[in-house]
PDB file of N, CA and C in Angstrom:
ATOM      1  N   MET A   1     161.779 -42.693 134.360  1.00  0.00           N
ATOM      2  CA  MET A   1     160.847 -42.595 135.466  1.00  0.00           C
ATOM      3  C   MET A   1     160.360 -41.153 135.581  1.00  0.00           C
ATOM      4  N   LYS A   2     159.078 -41.010 135.796  1.00  0.00           N
ATOM      5  CA  LYS A   2     158.463 -39.696 135.870  1.00  0.00           C
ATOM      6  C   LYS A   2     158.792 -39.018 137.203  1.00  0.00           C
ATOM      7  N   GLN A   3     159.153 -37.752 137.129  1.00  0.00           N
ATOM      8  CA  GLN A   3     159.486 -36.992 138.335  1.00  0.00           C
ATOM      9  C   GLN A   3     158.198 -36.578 139.041  1.00  0.00           C
ATOM     10  N   ARG A   4     158.155 -36.776 140.347  1.00  0.00           N
ATOM     11  CA  ARG A   4     156.984 -36.366 141.138  1.00  0.00           C
ATOM     12  C   ARG A   4     157.102 -34.912 141.548  1.00  0.00           C
ATOM     13  N   ARG A   5     155.981 -34.232 141.465  1.00  0.00           N
ATOM     14  CA  ARG A   5     155.940 -32.863 141.954  1.00  0.00           C
ATOM     15  C   ARG A   5     155.606 -32.878 143.434  1.00  0.00           C
ATOM     16  N   PRO A   6     156.123 -31.950 144.201  1.00  0.00           N
ATOM     17  CA  PRO A   6     155.784 -31.919 145.633  1.00  0.00           C
ATOM     18  C   PRO A   6     154.304 -31.614 145.823  1.00  0.00           C
ATOM     19  N   ILE A   7     153.743 -32.183 146.843  1.00  0.00           N
ATOM     20  CA  ILE A   7     152.335 -31.944 147.159  1.00  0.00           C
ATOM     21  C   ILE A   7     152.209 -30.580 147.834  1.00  0.00           C
ATOM     22  N   ARG A   8     151.350 -29.754 147.282  1.00  0.00           N
ATOM     23  CA  ARG A   8     151.157 -28.417 147.842  1.00  0.00           C
ATOM     24  C   ARG A   8     150.199 -28.451 149.015  1.00  0.00           C
ATOM     25  N   LYS A   9     150.402 -27.522 149.913  1.00  0.00           N
ATOM     26  CA  LYS A   9     149.511 -27.432 151.066  1.00  0.00           C
ATOM     27  C   LYS A   9     148.237 -26.704 150.664  1.00  0.00           C
ATOM     28  N   LYS A  10     147.130 -27.207 151.150  1.00  0.00           N
ATOM     29  CA  LYS A  10     145.835 -26.593 150.860  1.00  0.00           C
ATOM     30  C   LYS A  10     145.576 -25.470 151.853  1.00  0.00           C
ATOM     31  N   GLU A  11     144.369 -24.943 151.831  1.00  0.00           N
ATOM     32  CA  GLU A  11     143.994 -23.838 152.701  1.00  0.00           C
ATOM     33  C   GLU A  11     144.159 -24.178 154.180  1.00  0.00           C
ATOM     34  N   SER A  12     144.018 -25.439 154.531  1.00  0.00           N
ATOM     35  CA  SER A  12     144.129 -25.838 155.935  1.00  0.00           C
ATOM     36  C   SER A  12     145.564 -25.732 156.434  1.00  0.00           C
ATOM     37  N   GLY A  13     146.506 -25.605 155.506  1.00  0.00           N
ATOM     38  CA  GLY A  13     147.904 -25.529 155.895  1.00  0.00           C
ATOM     39  C   GLY A  13     148.554 -26.891 155.996  1.00  0.00           C
ATOM     40  N   LYS A  14     147.810 -27.946 155.692  1.00  0.00           N
ATOM     41  CA  LYS A  14     148.344 -29.303 155.767  1.00  0.00           C
ATOM     42  C   LYS A  14     148.507 -29.855 154.359  1.00  0.00           C
ATOM     43  N   SER A  15     149.558 -30.625 154.187  1.00  0.00           N
ATOM     44  CA  SER A  15     149.750 -31.277 152.899  1.00  0.00           C
ATOM     45  C   SER A  15     148.845 -32.495 152.820  1.00  0.00           C
ATOM     46  N   ALA A  16     148.678 -33.009 151.622  1.00  0.00           N
ATOM     47  CA  ALA A  16     147.872 -34.214 151.443  1.00  0.00           C
ATOM     48  C   ALA A  16     148.470 -35.375 152.228  1.00  0.00           C
ATOM     49  N   GLU A  17     149.807 -35.441 152.274  1.00  0.00           N
ATOM     50  CA  GLU A  17     150.475 -36.508 153.028  1.00  0.00           C
ATOM     51  C   GLU A  17     150.121 -36.441 154.505  1.00  0.00           C
ATOM     52  N   GLU A  18     150.101 -35.223 155.067  1.00  0.00           N
ATOM     53  CA  GLU A  18     149.759 -35.061 156.482  1.00  0.00           C
ATOM     54  C   GLU A  18     148.306 -35.458 156.751  1.00  0.00           C
ATOM     55  N   ILE A  19     147.425 -35.081 155.848  1.00  0.00           N
ATOM     56  CA  ILE A  19     146.011 -35.411 156.005  1.00  0.00           C
ATOM     57  C   ILE A  19     145.804 -36.920 155.940  1.00  0.00           C
ATOM     58  N   VAL A  20     146.436 -37.577 154.968  1.00  0.00           N
ATOM     59  CA  VAL A  20     146.326 -39.036 154.837  1.00  0.00           C
ATOM     60  C   VAL A  20     146.868 -39.710 156.085  1.00  0.00           C
ATOM     61  N   ARG A  21     147.999 -39.254 156.590  1.00  0.00           N
ATOM     62  CA  ARG A  21     148.593 -39.833 157.800  1.00  0.00           C
ATOM     63  C   ARG A  21     147.631 -39.706 158.986  1.00  0.00           C
ATOM     64  N   GLU A  22     147.015 -38.531 159.150  1.00  0.00           N
ATOM     65  CA  GLU A  22     146.067 -38.319 160.243  1.00  0.00           C
ATOM     66  C   GLU A  22     144.839 -39.220 160.108  1.00  0.00           C
ATOM     67  N   LEU A  23     144.327 -39.350 158.882  1.00  0.00           N
ATOM     68  CA  LEU A  23     143.160 -40.200 158.657  1.00  0.00           C
ATOM     69  C   LEU A  23     143.471 -41.662 158.945  1.00  0.00           C
ATOM     70  N   ARG A  24     144.645 -42.117 158.533  1.00  0.00           N
ATOM     71  CA  ARG A  24     145.040 -43.503 158.801  1.00  0.00           C
ATOM     72  C   ARG A  24     145.167 -43.752 160.295  1.00  0.00           C
ATOM     73  N   GLN A  25     145.765 -42.798 161.002  1.00  0.00           N
ATOM     74  CA  GLN A  25     145.929 -42.951 162.451  1.00  0.00           C
ATOM     75  C   GLN A  25     144.560 -42.966 163.135  1.00  0.00           C
ATOM     76  N   ALA A  26     143.669 -42.093 162.702  1.00  0.00           N
ATOM     77  CA  ALA A  26     142.325 -42.057 163.287  1.00  0.00           C
ATOM     78  C   ALA A  26     141.593 -43.356 163.012  1.00  0.00           C
ATOM     79  N   GLY A  27     141.763 -43.914 161.812  1.00  0.00           N
ATOM     80  CA  GLY A  27     141.126 -45.178 161.464  1.00  0.00           C
ATOM     81  C   GLY A  27     141.635 -46.322 162.313  1.00  0.00           C
ATOM     82  N   LYS A  28     142.937 -46.362 162.556  1.00  0.00           N
ATOM     83  CA  LYS A  28     143.518 -47.417 163.384  1.00  0.00           C
ATOM     84  C   LYS A  28     142.982 -47.329 164.802  1.00  0.00           C
ATOM     85  N   THR A  29     142.930 -46.123 165.330  1.00  0.00           N
ATOM     86  CA  THR A  29     142.457 -45.937 166.691  1.00  0.00           C
ATOM     87  C   THR A  29     140.991 -46.328 166.801  1.00  0.00           C
ATOM     88  N   ALA A  30     140.177 -45.845 165.866  1.00  0.00           N
ATOM     89  CA  ALA A  30     138.743 -46.120 165.925  1.00  0.00           C
ATOM     90  C   ALA A  30     138.444 -47.600 165.741  1.00  0.00           C
ATOM     91  N   SER A  31     139.080 -48.232 164.768  1.00  0.00           N
ATOM     92  CA  SER A  31     138.768 -49.631 164.509  1.00  0.00           C
ATOM     93  C   SER A  31     139.210 -50.523 165.644  1.00  0.00           C
ATOM     94  N   GLY A  32     140.338 -50.224 166.245  1.00  0.00           N
ATOM     95  CA  GLY A  32     140.814 -51.034 167.358  1.00  0.00           C
ATOM     96  C   GLY A  32     139.960 -50.863 168.591  1.00  0.00           C
ATOM     97  N   ASP A  33     139.466 -49.669 168.800  1.00  0.00           N
ATOM     98  CA  ASP A  33     138.686 -49.384 169.997  1.00  0.00           C
ATOM     99  C   ASP A  33     137.275 -49.937 169.925  1.00  0.00           C
ATOM    100  N   TYR A  34     136.594 -49.784 168.792  1.00  0.00           N
ATOM    101  CA  TYR A  34     135.179 -50.132 168.794  1.00  0.00           C
ATOM    102  C   TYR A  34     134.946 -51.624 168.910  1.00  0.00           C
ATOM    103  N   ARG A  35     135.822 -52.448 168.421  1.00  0.00           N
ATOM    104  CA  ARG A  35     135.629 -53.896 168.553  1.00  0.00           C
ATOM    105  C   ARG A  35     135.695 -54.307 170.016  1.00  0.00           C
ATOM    106  N   GLU A  36     136.736 -53.884 170.692  1.00  0.00           N
ATOM    107  CA  GLU A  36     136.874 -54.230 172.113  1.00  0.00           C
ATOM    108  C   GLU A  36     135.731 -53.645 172.930  1.00  0.00           C
ATOM    109  N   GLN A  37     135.341 -52.439 172.585  1.00  0.00           N
ATOM    110  CA  GLN A  37     134.246 -51.785 173.300  1.00  0.00           C
ATOM    111  C   GLN A  37     132.935 -52.544 173.092  1.00  0.00           C
ATOM    112  N   SER A  38     132.682 -52.982 171.870  1.00  0.00           N
ATOM    113  CA  SER A  38     131.462 -53.735 171.594  1.00  0.00           C
ATOM    114  C   SER A  38     131.456 -55.074 172.326  1.00  0.00           C
ATOM    115  N   LEU A  39     132.595 -55.737 172.358  1.00  0.00           N
ATOM    116  CA  LEU A  39     132.666 -57.011 173.073  1.00  0.00           C
ATOM    117  C   LEU A  39     132.417 -56.812 174.565  1.00  0.00           C
ATOM    118  N   ARG A  40     132.913 -55.714 175.137  1.00  0.00           N
ATOM    119  CA  ARG A  40     132.663 -55.420 176.563  1.00  0.00           C
ATOM    120  C   ARG A  40     131.182 -55.107 176.805  1.00  0.00           C
ATOM    121  N   ILE A  41     130.602 -54.300 175.927  1.00  0.00           N
ATOM    122  CA  ILE A  41     129.208 -53.866 176.114  1.00  0.00           C
ATOM    123  C   ILE A  41     128.225 -55.019 175.900  1.00  0.00           C
ATOM    124  N   HIS A  42     128.368 -55.726 174.789  1.00  0.00           N
ATOM    125  CA  HIS A  42     127.390 -56.725 174.381  1.00  0.00           C
ATOM    126  C   HIS A  42     127.744 -58.148 174.797  1.00  0.00           C
ATOM    127  N   GLY A  43     128.954 -58.348 175.246  1.00  0.00           N
ATOM    128  CA  GLY A  43     129.352 -59.673 175.699  1.00  0.00           C
ATOM    129  C   GLY A  43     129.809 -60.578 174.568  1.00  0.00           C
ATOM    130  N   LEU A  44     130.272 -61.755 174.946  1.00  0.00           N
ATOM    131  CA  LEU A  44     130.810 -62.710 173.965  1.00  0.00           C
ATOM    132  C   LEU A  44     129.708 -63.640 173.488  1.00  0.00           C
ATOM    133  N   ILE A  45     128.710 -63.058 172.844  1.00  0.00           N
ATOM    134  CA  ILE A  45     127.559 -63.814 172.350  1.00  0.00           C
ATOM    135  C   ILE A  45     127.130 -63.245 171.005  1.00  0.00           C
ATOM    136  N   CYS A  46     126.753 -64.127 170.096  1.00  0.00           N
ATOM    137  CA  CYS A  46     126.279 -63.692 168.783  1.00  0.00           C
ATOM    138  C   CYS A  46     124.834 -63.198 168.925  1.00  0.00           C
ATOM    139  N   ALA A  47     124.591 -61.992 168.445  1.00  0.00           N
ATOM    140  CA  ALA A  47     123.256 -61.399 168.555  1.00  0.00           C
ATOM    141  C   ALA A  47     122.240 -62.078 167.647  1.00  0.00           C
ATOM    142  N   LYS A  48     122.683 -62.849 166.683  1.00  0.00           N
ATOM    143  CA  LYS A  48     121.759 -63.474 165.740  1.00  0.00           C
ATOM    144  C   LYS A  48     121.435 -64.917 166.116  1.00  0.00           C
ATOM    145  N   CYS A  49     122.467 -65.741 166.300  1.00  0.00           N
ATOM    146  CA  CYS A  49     122.204 -67.162 166.583  1.00  0.00           C
ATOM    147  C   CYS A  49     122.254 -67.488 168.074  1.00  0.00           C
ATOM    148  N   GLY A  50     122.764 -66.571 168.885  1.00  0.00           N
ATOM    149  CA  GLY A  50     122.788 -66.771 170.326  1.00  0.00           C
ATOM    150  C   GLY A  50     123.937 -67.633 170.837  1.00  0.00           C
ATOM    151  N   ARG A  51     124.837 -68.016 169.957  1.00  0.00           N
ATOM    152  CA  ARG A  51     125.971 -68.837 170.390  1.00  0.00           C
ATOM    153  C   ARG A  51     126.851 -68.032 171.329  1.00  0.00           C
ATOM    154  N   GLU A  52     127.231 -68.656 172.433  1.00  0.00           N
ATOM    155  CA  GLU A  52     128.112 -68.014 173.399  1.00  0.00           C
ATOM    156  C   GLU A  52     129.546 -68.452 173.151  1.00  0.00           C
ATOM    157  N   PHE A  53     130.459 -67.521 173.309  1.00  0.00           N
ATOM    158  CA  PHE A  53     131.866 -67.772 173.056  1.00  0.00           C
ATOM    159  C   PHE A  53     132.673 -67.611 174.333  1.00  0.00           C
ATOM    160  N   GLU A  54     133.747 -68.350 174.403  1.00  0.00           N
ATOM    161  CA  GLU A  54     134.681 -68.211 175.506  1.00  0.00           C
ATOM    162  C   GLU A  54     135.791 -67.263 175.073  1.00  0.00           C
ATOM    163  N   GLU A  55     136.554 -66.826 176.033  1.00  0.00           N
ATOM    164  CA  GLU A  55     137.637 -65.891 175.761  1.00  0.00           C
ATOM    165  C   GLU A  55     138.584 -66.421 174.680  1.00  0.00           C
ATOM    166  N   LYS A  56     138.868 -67.710 174.695  1.00  0.00           N
ATOM    167  CA  LYS A  56     139.812 -68.285 173.726  1.00  0.00           C
ATOM    168  C   LYS A  56     139.258 -68.278 172.302  1.00  0.00           C
ATOM    169  N   ASP A  57     137.924 -68.163 172.143  1.00  0.00           N
ATOM    170  CA  ASP A  57     137.285 -68.166 170.821  1.00  0.00           C
ATOM    171  C   ASP A  57     136.755 -66.799 170.400  1.00  0.00           C
ATOM    172  N   ARG A  58     137.112 -65.767 171.121  1.00  0.00           N
ATOM    173  CA  ARG A  58     136.560 -64.430 170.854  1.00  0.00           C
ATOM    174  C   ARG A  58     136.870 -63.933 169.448  1.00  0.00           C
ATOM    175  N   ARG A  59     137.906 -64.473 168.811  1.00  0.00           N
ATOM    176  CA  ARG A  59     138.264 -64.046 167.456  1.00  0.00           C
ATOM    177  C   ARG A  59     137.157 -64.398 166.452  1.00  0.00           C
ATOM    178  N   LEU A  60     136.269 -65.335 166.814  1.00  0.00           N
ATOM    179  CA  LEU A  60     135.168 -65.727 165.931  1.00  0.00           C
ATOM    180  C   LEU A  60     133.991 -64.755 165.985  1.00  0.00           C
ATOM    181  N   LEU A  61     134.057 -63.785 166.880  1.00  0.00           N
ATOM    182  CA  LEU A  61     133.016 -62.754 166.956  1.00  0.00           C
ATOM    183  C   LEU A  61     133.475 -61.510 166.214  1.00  0.00           C
ATOM    184  N   THR A  62     132.585 -60.975 165.413  1.00  0.00           N
ATOM    185  CA  THR A  62     132.864 -59.750 164.672  1.00  0.00           C
ATOM    186  C   THR A  62     131.866 -58.688 165.090  1.00  0.00           C
ATOM    187  N   VAL A  63     132.167 -57.452 164.755  1.00  0.00           N
ATOM    188  CA  VAL A  63     131.246 -56.348 165.056  1.00  0.00           C
ATOM    189  C   VAL A  63     130.564 -55.939 163.763  1.00  0.00           C
ATOM    190  N   HIS A  64     129.246 -56.020 163.764  1.00  0.00           N
ATOM    191  CA  HIS A  64     128.441 -55.616 162.608  1.00  0.00           C
ATOM    192  C   HIS A  64     127.875 -54.235 162.880  1.00  0.00           C
ATOM    193  N   HIS A  65     128.010 -53.335 161.905  1.00  0.00           N
ATOM    194  CA  HIS A  65     127.417 -51.999 162.019  1.00  0.00           C
ATOM    195  C   HIS A  65     125.988 -52.083 161.493  1.00  0.00           C
ATOM    196  N   LYS A  66     125.034 -51.848 162.344  1.00  0.00           N
ATOM    197  CA  LYS A  66     123.620 -51.999 161.977  1.00  0.00           C
ATOM    198  C   LYS A  66     123.230 -51.119 160.795  1.00  0.00           C
ATOM    199  N   ASP A  67     123.760 -49.885 160.758  1.00  0.00           N
ATOM    200  CA  ASP A  67     123.394 -48.982 159.661  1.00  0.00           C
ATOM    201  C   ASP A  67     124.335 -49.095 158.461  1.00  0.00           C
ATOM    202  N   GLY A  68     125.319 -49.986 158.537  1.00  0.00           N
ATOM    203  CA  GLY A  68     126.241 -50.191 157.429  1.00  0.00           C
ATOM    204  C   GLY A  68     127.348 -49.164 157.332  1.00  0.00           C
ATOM    205  N   ASN A  69     127.375 -48.186 158.227  1.00  0.00           N
ATOM    206  CA  ASN A  69     128.375 -47.124 158.196  1.00  0.00           C
ATOM    207  C   ASN A  69     129.473 -47.442 159.212  1.00  0.00           C
ATOM    208  N   HIS A  70     130.635 -47.836 158.714  1.00  0.00           N
ATOM    209  CA  HIS A  70     131.742 -48.207 159.588  1.00  0.00           C
ATOM    210  C   HIS A  70     132.349 -47.023 160.326  1.00  0.00           C
ATOM    211  N   LEU A  71     131.981 -45.829 159.944  1.00  0.00           N
ATOM    212  CA  LEU A  71     132.475 -44.644 160.639  1.00  0.00           C
ATOM    213  C   LEU A  71     131.535 -44.212 161.760  1.00  0.00           C
ATOM    214  N   ASN A  72     130.344 -44.792 161.819  1.00  0.00           N
ATOM    215  CA  ASN A  72     129.366 -44.464 162.861  1.00  0.00           C
ATOM    216  C   ASN A  72     129.598 -45.388 164.051  1.00  0.00           C
ATOM    217  N   ASN A  73     130.405 -44.916 164.990  1.00  0.00           N
ATOM    218  CA  ASN A  73     130.788 -45.720 166.146  1.00  0.00           C
ATOM    219  C   ASN A  73     130.468 -44.995 167.449  1.00  0.00           C
ATOM    220  N   PRO A  74     129.175 -44.904 167.798  1.00  0.00           N
ATOM    221  CA  PRO A  74     128.811 -44.213 169.036  1.00  0.00           C
ATOM    222  C   PRO A  74     129.346 -44.974 170.248  1.00  0.00           C
ATOM    223  N   PRO A  75     129.801 -44.254 171.261  1.00  0.00           N
ATOM    224  CA  PRO A  75     130.397 -44.905 172.424  1.00  0.00           C
ATOM    225  C   PRO A  75     129.448 -45.809 173.201  1.00  0.00           C
ATOM    226  N   ASP A  76     128.139 -45.627 173.019  1.00  0.00           N
ATOM    227  CA  ASP A  76     127.190 -46.491 173.738  1.00  0.00           C
ATOM    228  C   ASP A  76     126.950 -47.817 173.018  1.00  0.00           C
ATOM    229  N   GLY A  77     127.544 -47.994 171.833  1.00  0.00           N
ATOM    230  CA  GLY A  77     127.424 -49.252 171.105  1.00  0.00           C
ATOM    231  C   GLY A  77     126.098 -49.463 170.408  1.00  0.00           C
ATOM    232  N   SER A  78     125.307 -48.416 170.262  1.00  0.00           N
ATOM    233  CA  SER A  78     123.963 -48.560 169.692  1.00  0.00           C
ATOM    234  C   SER A  78     123.951 -48.912 168.206  1.00  0.00           C
ATOM    235  N   ASN A  79     125.061 -48.727 167.513  1.00  0.00           N
ATOM    236  CA  ASN A  79     125.117 -49.079 166.089  1.00  0.00           C
ATOM    237  C   ASN A  79     125.833 -50.413 165.855  1.00  0.00           C
ATOM    238  N   TRP A  80     126.181 -51.110 166.910  1.00  0.00           N
ATOM    239  CA  TRP A  80     126.927 -52.354 166.779  1.00  0.00           C
ATOM    240  C   TRP A  80     126.117 -53.540 167.268  1.00  0.00           C
ATOM    241  N   GLU A  81     126.414 -54.675 166.680  1.00  0.00           N
ATOM    242  CA  GLU A  81     125.973 -55.940 167.253  1.00  0.00           C
ATOM    243  C   GLU A  81     127.070 -56.947 166.985  1.00  0.00           C
ATOM    244  N   ASN A  82     127.336 -57.769 167.975  1.00  0.00           N
ATOM    245  CA  ASN A  82     128.357 -58.796 167.826  1.00  0.00           C
ATOM    246  C   ASN A  82     127.729 -59.976 167.101  1.00  0.00           C
ATOM    247  N   LEU A  83     128.356 -60.374 166.002  1.00  0.00           N
ATOM    248  CA  LEU A  83     127.891 -61.521 165.230  1.00  0.00           C
ATOM    249  C   LEU A  83     129.049 -62.489 165.041  1.00  0.00           C
ATOM    250  N   CYS A  84     128.755 -63.782 165.113  1.00  0.00           N
ATOM    251  CA  CYS A  84     129.793 -64.753 164.789  1.00  0.00           C
ATOM    252  C   CYS A  84     130.110 -64.615 163.301  1.00  0.00           C
ATOM    253  N   VAL A  85     131.240 -65.126 162.897  1.00  0.00           N
ATOM    254  CA  VAL A  85     131.660 -64.952 161.507  1.00  0.00           C
ATOM    255  C   VAL A  85     130.638 -65.527 160.525  1.00  0.00           C
ATOM    256  N   TYR A  86     129.964 -66.590 160.916  1.00  0.00           N
ATOM    257  CA  TYR A  86     128.975 -67.223 160.036  1.00  0.00           C
ATOM    258  C   TYR A  86     127.745 -66.337 159.868  1.00  0.00           C
ATOM    259  N   CYS A  87     127.240 -65.816 160.966  1.00  0.00           N
ATOM    260  CA  CYS A  87     126.067 -64.936 160.891  1.00  0.00           C
ATOM    261  C   CYS A  87     126.403 -63.611 160.214  1.00  0.00           C
ATOM    262  N   HIS A  88     127.624 -63.123 160.409  1.00  0.00           N
ATOM    263  CA  HIS A  88     128.024 -61.872 159.773  1.00  0.00           C
ATOM    264  C   HIS A  88     128.075 -62.048 158.258  1.00  0.00           C
ATOM    265  N   ASP A  89     128.635 -63.158 157.809  1.00  0.00           N
ATOM    266  CA  ASP A  89     128.644 -63.441 156.367  1.00  0.00           C
ATOM    267  C   ASP A  89     127.225 -63.552 155.830  1.00  0.00           C
ATOM    268  N   ASP A  90     126.365 -64.236 156.579  1.00  0.00           N
ATOM    269  CA  ASP A  90     124.978 -64.397 156.163  1.00  0.00           C
ATOM    270  C   ASP A  90     124.276 -63.042 156.076  1.00  0.00           C
ATOM    271  N   GLU A  91     124.516 -62.190 157.042  1.00  0.00           N
ATOM    272  CA  GLU A  91     123.884 -60.869 157.073  1.00  0.00           C
ATOM    273  C   GLU A  91     124.246 -60.059 155.824  1.00  0.00           C
ATOM    274  N   HIS A  92     125.507 -60.074 155.447  1.00  0.00           N
ATOM    275  CA  HIS A  92     125.929 -59.306 154.284  1.00  0.00           C
ATOM    276  C   HIS A  92     125.525 -59.971 152.969  1.00  0.00           C
ATOM    277  N   SER A  93     125.469 -61.276 152.928  1.00  0.00           N
ATOM    278  CA  SER A  93     125.059 -61.939 151.686  1.00  0.00           C
ATOM    279  C   SER A  93     123.564 -61.757 151.432  1.00  0.00           C
ATOM    280  N   ARG A  94     122.785 -61.576 152.481  1.00  0.00           N
ATOM    281  CA  ARG A  94     121.351 -61.324 152.299  1.00  0.00           C
ATOM    282  C   ARG A  94     121.122 -60.031 151.526  1.00  0.00           C
ATOM    283  N   GLY A  95     121.882 -59.000 151.851  1.00  0.00           N
ATOM    284  CA  GLY A  95     121.751 -57.733 151.137  1.00  0.00           C
ATOM    285  C   GLY A  95     122.135 -57.872 149.677  1.00  0.00           C
ATOM    286  N   MET A  96     123.202 -58.614 149.419  1.00  0.00           N
ATOM    287  CA  MET A  96     123.631 -58.824 148.034  1.00  0.00           C
ATOM    288  C   MET A  96     122.594 -59.634 147.270  1.00  0.00           C
ATOM    289  N   MET A  97     122.051 -60.655 147.907  1.00  0.00           N
ATOM    290  CA  MET A  97     121.041 -61.487 147.253  1.00  0.00           C
ATOM    291  C   MET A  97     119.773 -60.671 146.981  1.00  0.00           C
ATOM    292  N   GLY A  98     119.396 -59.831 147.935  1.00  0.00           N
ATOM    293  CA  GLY A  98     118.214 -58.981 147.736  1.00  0.00           C
ATOM    294  C   GLY A  98     118.394 -58.024 146.575  1.00  0.00           C
ATOM    295  N   ASP A  99     119.600 -57.440 146.480  1.00  0.00           N
ATOM    296  CA  ASP A  99     119.896 -56.548 145.355  1.00  0.00           C
ATOM    297  C   ASP A  99     119.842 -57.306 144.041  1.00  0.00           C
ATOM    298  N   TYR A 100     120.390 -58.517 144.041  1.00  0.00           N
ATOM    299  CA  TYR A 100     120.408 -59.330 142.829  1.00  0.00           C
ATOM    300  C   TYR A 100     118.988 -59.692 142.389  1.00  0.00           C
ATOM    301  N   LEU A 101     118.196 -60.162 143.336  1.00  0.00           N
ATOM    302  CA  LEU A 101     116.821 -60.569 142.996  1.00  0.00           C
ATOM    303  C   LEU A 101     115.943 -59.366 142.660  1.00  0.00           C
ATOM    304  N   GLY A 102     116.303 -58.218 143.189  1.00  0.00           N
ATOM    305  CA  GLY A 102     115.540 -57.000 142.905  1.00  0.00           C
ATOM    306  C   GLY A 102     115.987 -56.299 141.636  1.00  0.00           C
ATOM    307  N   GLY A 103     116.972 -56.877 140.941  1.00  0.00           N
ATOM    308  CA  GLY A 103     117.420 -56.296 139.674  1.00  0.00           C
ATOM    309  C   GLY A 103     118.389 -55.144 139.819  1.00  0.00           C
ATOM    310  N   LYS A 104     119.041 -55.018 140.997  1.00  0.00           N
ATOM    311  CA  LYS A 104     119.957 -53.902 141.227  1.00  0.00           C
ATOM    312  C   LYS A 104     121.414 -54.264 140.973  1.00  0.00           C
ATOM    313  N   GLU A 105     121.706 -55.486 140.517  1.00  0.00           N
ATOM    314  CA  GLU A 105     123.097 -55.878 140.351  1.00  0.00           C
ATOM    315  C   GLU A 105     123.773 -55.016 139.300  1.00  0.00           C
ATOM    316  N   GLY A 106     125.038 -54.646 139.631  1.00  0.00           N
ATOM    317  CA  GLY A 106     125.844 -53.898 138.687  1.00  0.00           C
ATOM    318  C   GLY A 106     125.431 -52.464 138.494  1.00  0.00           C
ATOM    319  N   LYS A 107     124.531 -51.961 139.305  1.00  0.00           N
ATOM    320  CA  LYS A 107     124.088 -50.570 139.142  1.00  0.00           C
ATOM    321  C   LYS A 107     124.635 -49.720 140.239  1.00  0.00           C
TER     322      LYS A 107
END
């Protein structure tokens, strides 16, 4: 078995392990917060098909990032729209189909 070398600290004074740990924690906090925040702001309704959901079915609503950047989570919810799982799948497959028909596949 190959011996691992210790990870050296960079100029910031933090090791790679510390940086990864901080990024993971920030990701958990951000991802958990923005979904609940979007559901509060936009309500339990799909922005595409208009289907309304009850509290017991809220798991069927997802948060779609309008600009495609999952790190862009403004507190006012301007980059989010609540989509049911069916509309969310449709939204993402449209982009893939457009790329395919436009000759961009695999590039």
